[in-house]
Amino acid sequence: MNQLTPDLSVKLGPLELQNPVMTSSGTFGYGLEFDELVDLNLLGAIVVKGISLKPMTGNPPPRIVETPCGMLNAIGLANVGLEAFLKEKLPKLRKFRTKVIVNIYGHHIDEYAELASALKGVDGVAALEVNVSCPNVEQGGMAFGVDPDASARVTEQVRKSTDKPVIVKLSPNVTDIRIIAKAVESAGAHAVSLINTLTGMAIDIETRKPKLANIRGGLSGPAIKPVALHMVYQVANAVDIPVVGIGGIVDYRDALEFFIAGARAVEIGTANFVNPRATLDILEGITEYCQQKGIHHITDIMATLGSNLHI
């Protein structure tokens, strides 16, 4: 007997995706680097490496360290800059039917607004993902993402400056992530994605020096999945906008946990370094699971953990 192909399409506010499997910014380059390894047309969305107004060289090496069940990175948001992205990367990305989401970041609110304005009306850009986990020069180096008022101001300015759906990427390095999520929702975010990396460090006991030149970096990979899952569940029950789950997803079972917890889509990050085809393997696993369970639409399993639970 033939099994029906489940409907995996989802909506993140006004953004429609053919399936809920996305790439995570900073782990998939600009998408083009994976073209010979992955059929990019099969993905729900490609979230490109974070883009700033001007090119950034990032932090000095070493800037990646393997850790138990994960990795630390201190890349420093290195990227080609807005102009080069629009001229060199985006034209090549337009040949794919998969939605392209541009991750943007700045050190001042005005920079976020300028980036959003520059991408307004640009063909081939389906949405913006706003990284608020960057140093806020205006407030003594504090990240926008740890301050609900600052996060809301960034979100509000981006919304005013763009015609694209706006997804705000949240930092886990806060006391209560729900407060930040509610703030950006009130400021007009169409969706939130979480979590960004956890702050961590590693030390070489022979030299007694940090293993990262930047001393600290962002922890990602399977080690952070329980934290990410908990925060996604919390936020999904605190806001009315869609939630994109990120953090330690390496196979379809991980992705399904995030869906059950309330995520509308997922982003695959560190797994891409281990298995360049991780996104497609996860997509295939989700499809087969739905077929085996008789699930006709992926949304039928989303946010099904239980309404009587309070975590």
Protein backbone atom coordinates (compact mmCIF):
# COMPACT_ATOMS: atom_id res chain seq x y z
CA MET A 1 0.00 0.00 0.00
CA ASN A 2 1.38 3.40 -0.98
CA GLN A 3 2.05 5.79 1.85
CA LEU A 4 0.81 9.32 1.43
CA THR A 5 3.45 12.03 1.45
CA PRO A 6 2.79 14.23 4.49
CA ASP A 7 2.34 17.96 4.09
CA LEU A 8 5.38 19.55 5.73
CA SER A 9 4.63 23.15 4.80
CA VAL A 10 4.63 25.73 7.61
CA LYS A 11 4.13 29.46 8.06
CA LEU A 12 6.23 31.81 10.15
CA GLY A 13 3.91 34.77 10.21
CA PRO A 14 3.68 35.91 6.57
CA LEU A 15 6.61 33.70 5.55
CA GLU A 16 5.58 30.42 3.92
CA LEU A 17 8.07 27.53 3.83
CA GLN A 18 7.80 24.24 1.96
CA ASN A 19 9.04 22.44 5.07
CA PRO A 20 10.25 23.36 8.58
CA VAL A 21 13.94 22.45 8.16
CA MET A 22 16.18 25.50 7.94
CA THR A 23 19.91 26.09 8.21
CA SER A 24 21.34 28.08 11.09
CA SER A 25 23.26 31.26 10.40
CA GLY A 26 27.02 30.90 10.63
CA THR A 27 27.01 27.14 10.12
CA PHE A 28 26.10 26.89 6.44
CA GLY A 29 28.13 29.72 4.92
CA TYR A 30 26.07 31.59 2.36
CA GLY A 31 24.47 28.32 1.27
CA LEU A 32 26.48 28.21 -1.94
CA GLU A 33 29.34 26.37 -0.26
CA PHE A 34 27.03 23.35 0.19
CA ASP A 35 25.59 23.36 -3.33
CA GLU A 36 27.57 20.31 -4.49
CA LEU A 37 26.77 18.34 -1.33
CA VAL A 38 23.12 19.21 -0.67
CA ASP A 39 20.14 19.77 -2.96
CA LEU A 40 19.40 23.24 -1.64
CA ASN A 41 16.01 23.24 -3.35
CA LEU A 42 14.77 20.68 -0.82
CA LEU A 43 15.33 22.83 2.26
CA GLY A 44 12.69 24.92 3.98
CA ALA A 45 15.00 27.93 4.11
CA ILE A 46 18.64 28.91 3.97
CA VAL A 47 19.65 31.35 6.70
CA VAL A 48 22.87 32.90 5.47
CA LYS A 49 25.92 33.86 7.49
CA GLY A 50 25.33 37.08 9.45
CA ILE A 51 25.69 40.21 7.33
CA SER A 52 27.01 43.55 8.56
CA LEU A 53 27.17 46.90 6.75
CA LYS A 54 30.92 46.61 6.19
CA PRO A 55 33.11 43.50 5.75
CA MET A 56 34.33 41.97 9.00
CA THR A 57 37.48 39.85 9.40
CA GLY A 58 36.37 38.47 12.75
CA ASN A 59 38.52 37.40 15.69
CA PRO A 60 42.09 36.09 15.45
CA PRO A 61 42.68 32.32 15.54
CA PRO A 62 42.34 29.93 17.20
CA ARG A 63 38.61 30.54 17.10
CA ILE A 64 37.06 27.07 17.10
CA VAL A 65 37.54 24.47 19.84
CA GLU A 66 35.92 21.05 20.10
CA THR A 67 34.25 20.32 23.43
CA PRO A 68 32.49 17.24 24.84
CA CYS A 69 29.28 16.90 22.79
CA GLY A 70 29.78 20.24 21.08
CA MET A 71 32.06 23.07 20.08
CA LEU A 72 33.06 26.56 21.10
CA ASN A 73 33.39 29.22 18.44
CA ALA A 74 34.64 32.78 18.54
CA ILE A 75 34.52 33.56 14.83
CA GLY A 76 33.62 37.16 15.54
CA LEU A 77 30.86 37.37 12.92
CA ALA A 78 33.30 37.48 10.00
CA ASN A 79 31.49 38.18 6.72
CA VAL A 80 31.84 39.80 3.29
CA GLY A 81 29.64 42.78 4.12
CA LEU A 82 26.36 43.96 2.65
CA GLU A 83 27.65 45.24 -0.70
CA ALA A 84 29.54 42.06 -1.57
CA PHE A 85 26.63 39.90 -0.43
CA LEU A 86 24.21 41.72 -2.73
CA LYS A 87 26.60 41.66 -5.69
CA GLU A 88 28.32 38.29 -5.35
CA LYS A 89 26.22 35.95 -3.23
CA LEU A 90 22.53 36.81 -3.63
CA PRO A 91 22.41 36.60 -7.47
CA LYS A 92 23.61 32.98 -7.25
CA LEU A 93 21.14 32.18 -4.47
CA ARG A 94 18.22 33.38 -6.59
CA LYS A 95 18.47 30.31 -8.82
CA PHE A 96 17.17 28.14 -5.96
CA ARG A 97 13.50 27.92 -5.07
CA THR A 98 14.30 27.62 -1.37
CA LYS A 99 13.60 30.76 0.64
CA VAL A 100 16.68 32.80 1.60
CA ILE A 101 16.67 34.50 5.00
CA VAL A 102 19.34 37.11 5.67
CA ASN A 103 20.71 37.26 9.19
CA ILE A 104 21.68 40.84 10.07
CA TYR A 105 23.56 42.39 12.97
CA GLY A 106 24.94 45.73 14.04
CA HIS A 107 26.66 47.49 16.90
CA HIS A 108 24.18 50.35 16.95
CA ILE A 109 20.43 50.40 16.39
CA ASP A 110 20.96 52.65 13.38
CA GLU A 111 23.09 49.95 11.75
CA TYR A 112 20.27 47.41 12.03
CA ALA A 113 17.85 49.92 10.51
CA GLU A 114 20.26 50.74 7.67
CA LEU A 115 20.74 47.06 6.84
CA ALA A 116 17.00 46.45 6.89
CA SER A 117 16.41 49.46 4.67
CA ALA A 118 19.07 48.33 2.18
CA LEU A 119 17.39 44.93 1.88
CA LYS A 120 13.90 46.39 1.50
CA GLY A 121 12.31 45.29 -1.75
CA VAL A 122 15.36 43.22 -2.72
CA ASP A 123 14.37 40.23 -4.84
CA GLY A 124 15.46 36.88 -3.46
CA VAL A 125 15.40 37.89 0.21
CA ALA A 126 12.39 36.22 1.82
CA ALA A 127 12.88 37.45 5.41
CA LEU A 128 15.31 38.94 7.89
CA GLU A 129 16.66 37.22 10.98
CA VAL A 130 17.78 39.87 13.44
CA ASN A 131 20.69 38.82 15.63
CA VAL A 132 20.35 40.83 18.83
CA SER A 133 23.14 38.92 20.55
CA CYS A 134 25.82 41.42 19.51
CA PRO A 135 27.83 43.94 21.57
CA ASN A 136 25.86 47.12 22.06
CA VAL A 137 28.45 49.88 21.76
CA GLU A 138 25.97 52.48 22.94
CA GLN A 139 25.54 50.73 26.29
CA GLY A 140 29.03 49.77 27.35
CA GLY A 141 29.41 46.57 25.35
CA MET A 142 26.27 44.90 26.68
CA ALA A 143 24.47 42.72 24.12
CA PHE A 144 21.13 44.03 22.91
CA GLY A 145 19.67 40.59 23.45
CA VAL A 146 20.00 40.62 27.24
CA ASP A 147 17.97 43.82 27.60
CA PRO A 148 14.25 43.66 26.76
CA ASP A 149 14.02 47.40 26.06
CA ALA A 150 17.06 47.38 23.76
CA SER A 151 15.81 44.25 21.97
CA ALA A 152 12.44 45.90 21.45
CA ARG A 153 14.01 49.09 20.07
CA VAL A 154 16.07 47.12 17.56
CA THR A 155 13.01 45.14 16.50
CA GLU A 156 10.89 48.27 16.15
CA GLN A 157 13.47 50.04 13.99
CA VAL A 158 13.95 47.01 11.74
CA ARG A 159 10.18 46.67 11.29
CA LYS A 160 9.94 50.32 10.30
CA SER A 161 12.76 49.93 7.80
CA THR A 162 11.76 46.75 5.96
CA ASP A 163 8.98 45.13 3.99
CA LYS A 164 10.25 41.64 4.88
CA PRO A 165 9.04 39.33 7.65
CA VAL A 166 11.19 39.83 10.74
CA ILE A 167 12.49 36.96 12.88
CA VAL A 168 14.40 37.97 16.01
CA LYS A 169 17.13 35.57 17.16
CA LEU A 170 17.31 35.43 20.95
CA SER A 171 20.24 34.94 23.30
CA PRO A 172 20.02 32.25 26.02
CA ASN A 173 22.41 34.18 28.24
CA VAL A 174 19.59 35.82 30.20
CA THR A 175 17.70 35.22 33.42
CA ASP A 176 14.32 34.71 31.74
CA ILE A 177 14.22 34.45 27.95
CA ARG A 178 10.43 34.84 27.97
CA ILE A 179 10.78 38.49 28.95
CA ILE A 180 12.93 39.20 25.88
CA ALA A 181 10.58 37.21 23.64
CA LYS A 182 7.55 39.15 24.83
CA ALA A 183 9.38 42.44 24.34
CA VAL A 184 10.24 41.77 20.70
CA GLU A 185 6.76 40.38 20.06
CA SER A 186 5.27 43.63 21.35
CA ALA A 187 7.69 45.56 19.12
CA GLY A 188 6.37 43.80 16.02
CA ALA A 189 8.49 40.70 15.44
CA HIS A 190 6.75 38.18 13.19
CA ALA A 191 8.62 35.27 14.82
CA VAL A 192 11.50 34.48 17.16
CA SER A 193 14.32 31.98 16.77
CA LEU A 194 16.18 30.46 19.72
CA ILE A 195 18.58 29.73 21.09
CA ASN A 196 21.81 31.40 20.05
CA THR A 197 24.98 29.97 21.57
CA LEU A 198 25.68 29.79 25.30
CA THR A 199 28.75 31.67 26.51
CA GLY A 200 31.64 29.40 27.49
CA MET A 201 35.40 28.92 27.49
CA ALA A 202 38.10 26.24 27.44
CA ILE A 203 41.59 26.22 28.96
CA ASP A 204 44.80 24.48 27.88
CA ILE A 205 46.17 23.02 31.12
CA GLU A 206 49.72 22.75 29.71
CA THR A 207 50.05 26.40 28.72
CA ARG A 208 47.45 27.66 31.20
CA LYS A 209 46.03 29.81 28.46
CA PRO A 210 42.57 29.99 26.93
CA LYS A 211 42.11 27.70 23.96
CA LEU A 212 40.32 30.52 22.14
CA ALA A 213 42.23 33.69 21.29
CA ASN A 214 39.09 35.60 22.24
CA ILE A 215 39.09 33.78 25.64
CA ARG A 216 35.35 33.11 25.50
CA GLY A 217 33.12 31.83 22.74
CA GLY A 218 29.72 30.44 21.92
CA LEU A 219 28.92 26.86 22.91
CA SER A 220 26.81 24.88 20.44
CA GLY A 221 26.04 21.27 19.56
CA PRO A 222 24.24 18.42 21.36
CA ALA A 223 25.47 19.63 24.76
CA ILE A 224 23.07 22.59 24.66
CA LYS A 225 19.99 20.77 23.34
CA PRO A 226 18.25 20.26 26.73
CA VAL A 227 18.67 23.97 27.51
CA ALA A 228 17.43 24.98 24.08
CA LEU A 229 14.45 22.63 24.24
CA HIS A 230 13.40 24.00 27.62
CA MET A 231 13.67 27.60 26.45
CA VAL A 232 11.72 26.90 23.26
CA TYR A 233 8.97 25.33 25.34
CA GLN A 234 8.92 28.32 27.67
CA VAL A 235 8.79 30.88 24.87
CA ALA A 236 6.25 28.95 22.80
CA ASN A 237 3.91 29.11 25.79
CA ALA A 238 4.62 32.79 26.46
CA VAL A 239 4.13 34.39 23.03
CA ASP A 240 1.60 34.14 20.20
CA ILE A 241 4.10 34.45 17.35
CA PRO A 242 5.84 31.40 15.82
CA VAL A 243 8.99 30.02 17.42
CA VAL A 244 11.94 28.56 15.50
CA GLY A 245 13.92 26.04 17.54
CA ILE A 246 17.72 25.96 17.45
CA GLY A 247 20.29 24.09 19.52
CA GLY A 248 21.91 20.68 19.28
CA ILE A 249 19.63 19.21 16.62
CA VAL A 250 21.54 16.40 14.90
CA ASP A 251 18.78 14.01 13.77
CA TYR A 252 15.05 13.92 13.09
CA ARG A 253 14.24 12.80 16.63
CA ASP A 254 15.77 15.99 17.98
CA ALA A 255 13.74 18.05 15.52
CA LEU A 256 10.53 16.28 16.52
CA GLU A 257 11.19 17.07 20.19
CA PHE A 258 11.34 20.75 19.33
CA PHE A 259 8.11 20.52 17.32
CA ILE A 260 6.32 18.79 20.18
CA ALA A 261 7.64 21.48 22.54
CA GLY A 262 6.05 24.16 20.36
CA ALA A 263 8.53 25.08 17.62
CA ARG A 264 7.05 25.83 14.21
CA ALA A 265 10.37 25.21 12.43
CA VAL A 266 13.95 24.29 13.31
CA GLU A 267 17.40 25.46 12.30
CA ILE A 268 20.25 22.98 11.94
CA GLY A 269 23.65 24.32 12.97
CA THR A 270 26.67 22.47 14.35
CA ALA A 271 25.48 19.19 12.84
CA ASN A 272 26.39 20.60 9.42
CA PHE A 273 30.08 20.51 10.38
CA VAL A 274 29.88 16.81 11.21
CA ASN A 275 27.52 15.79 8.42
CA PRO A 276 27.11 18.22 5.51
CA ARG A 277 23.87 16.44 4.58
CA ALA A 278 22.40 16.64 8.08
CA THR A 279 19.55 18.90 6.96
CA LEU A 280 18.38 16.45 4.30
CA ASP A 281 18.79 13.45 6.59
CA ILE A 282 16.63 15.20 9.19
CA LEU A 283 14.03 16.15 6.58
CA GLU A 284 13.88 12.55 5.36
CA GLY A 285 13.54 11.26 8.92
CA ILE A 286 10.67 13.65 9.68
CA THR A 287 8.87 12.55 6.50
CA GLU A 288 9.23 8.86 7.32
CA TYR A 289 8.10 9.41 10.92
CA CYS A 290 4.95 11.18 9.75
CA GLN A 291 4.23 8.39 7.28
CA GLN A 292 4.67 5.69 9.91
CA LYS A 293 2.47 7.51 12.42
CA GLY A 294 -0.20 8.47 9.89
CA ILE A 295 0.42 12.17 10.40
CA HIS A 296 -0.92 14.06 7.40
CA HIS A 297 0.42 17.51 8.29
CA ILE A 298 3.51 18.30 10.34
CA THR A 299 1.61 20.96 12.30
CA ASP A 300 -0.52 18.19 13.82
CA ILE A 301 2.33 17.26 16.18
CA MET A 302 3.45 20.78 17.00
CA ALA A 303 2.87 22.05 20.56
CA THR A 304 1.40 18.72 21.66
CA LEU A 305 3.45 18.23 24.83
CA GLY A 306 0.46 18.86 27.09
CA SER A 307 -1.38 21.99 28.10
CA ASN A 308 -1.44 21.00 31.76
CA LEU A 309 2.33 21.18 32.12
CA HIS A 310 4.07 24.22 33.60
CA ILE A 311 7.84 24.42 33.35
